Amino acid sequence: MQLSLWSLVRRLGWAKLIVGQAAWRTLVAVVVVTVPRSERLVPQVLFWVALVPTLLTVWSERAAIRA
């Protein structure tokens, strides 16, 4: 049986999360490249904004392991 990306996303909750994180990071990368900036703070803030979904996932996985 051959599985496509969309069939995996429909079946697995973690797959949905991973696809969402990839889309979020791609969006932030596009913003970093396209938005003109004159100071260094803007890319740093966008970098940390891009890491928020990953950090939330790590936190929720650790909470699930403890429970």
Protein backbone atom coordinates (compact mmCIF):
# COMPACT_ATOMS: atom_id res chain seq x y z
CA MET A 1 0.00 0.00 0.00
CA GLN A 2 1.39 3.38 -1.01
CA LEU A 3 0.82 6.32 1.34
CA SER A 4 0.92 9.92 0.30
CA LEU A 5 1.68 12.90 2.51
CA TRP A 6 -1.99 13.85 2.71
CA SER A 7 -3.11 10.38 3.78
CA LEU A 8 -0.59 10.48 6.62
CA VAL A 9 -1.74 13.95 7.67
CA ARG A 10 -5.35 12.75 7.76
CA ARG A 11 -4.45 9.78 9.96
CA LEU A 12 -1.87 10.98 12.45
CA GLY A 13 -2.17 13.93 14.83
CA TRP A 14 1.59 14.36 15.07
CA ALA A 15 1.84 14.56 11.28
CA LYS A 16 -0.57 17.49 11.32
CA LEU A 17 1.58 19.18 13.92
CA ILE A 18 4.77 18.68 11.91
CA VAL A 19 3.19 20.01 8.71
CA GLY A 20 1.92 23.04 10.64
CA GLN A 21 5.36 23.70 12.11
CA ALA A 22 6.98 23.44 8.68
CA ALA A 23 4.46 25.89 7.23
CA TRP A 24 5.03 28.30 10.14
CA ARG A 25 8.82 28.19 9.69
CA THR A 26 8.51 28.69 5.95
CA LEU A 27 6.28 31.73 6.48
CA VAL A 28 8.74 33.24 8.95
CA ALA A 29 11.65 32.57 6.57
CA VAL A 30 9.81 34.36 3.77
CA VAL A 31 9.14 37.31 6.08
CA VAL A 32 12.82 37.46 7.10
CA VAL A 33 13.91 37.56 3.47
CA THR A 34 11.28 39.96 2.12
CA VAL A 35 10.79 42.55 4.87
CA PRO A 36 13.35 45.34 4.70
CA ARG A 37 15.02 46.06 8.00
CA SER A 38 17.59 48.49 9.24
CA GLU A 39 18.42 46.96 12.59
CA ARG A 40 19.42 43.54 13.83
CA LEU A 41 16.54 43.13 16.29
CA VAL A 42 13.92 42.25 13.66
CA PRO A 43 15.54 39.00 12.45
CA GLN A 44 16.26 37.97 16.05
CA VAL A 45 12.62 38.42 17.04
CA LEU A 46 11.46 36.50 13.98
CA PHE A 47 13.89 33.69 14.80
CA TRP A 48 12.41 33.27 18.28
CA VAL A 49 8.88 33.51 16.91
CA ALA A 50 9.72 30.67 14.54
CA LEU A 51 10.90 28.53 17.48
CA VAL A 52 7.71 28.94 19.53
CA PRO A 53 5.83 25.95 18.00
CA THR A 54 8.84 23.68 18.49
CA LEU A 55 9.30 24.73 22.10
CA LEU A 56 5.59 24.19 22.80
CA THR A 57 5.82 20.71 21.28
CA VAL A 58 8.82 19.80 23.44
CA TRP A 59 7.03 21.09 26.54
CA SER A 60 3.84 19.15 25.78
CA GLU A 61 5.74 15.93 25.04
CA ARG A 62 7.58 16.15 28.35
CA ALA A 63 4.28 16.76 30.16
CA ALA A 64 2.75 13.73 28.43
CA ILE A 65 5.70 11.54 29.44
CA ARG A 66 5.39 12.59 33.09
CA ALA A 67 1.64 11.92 33.19
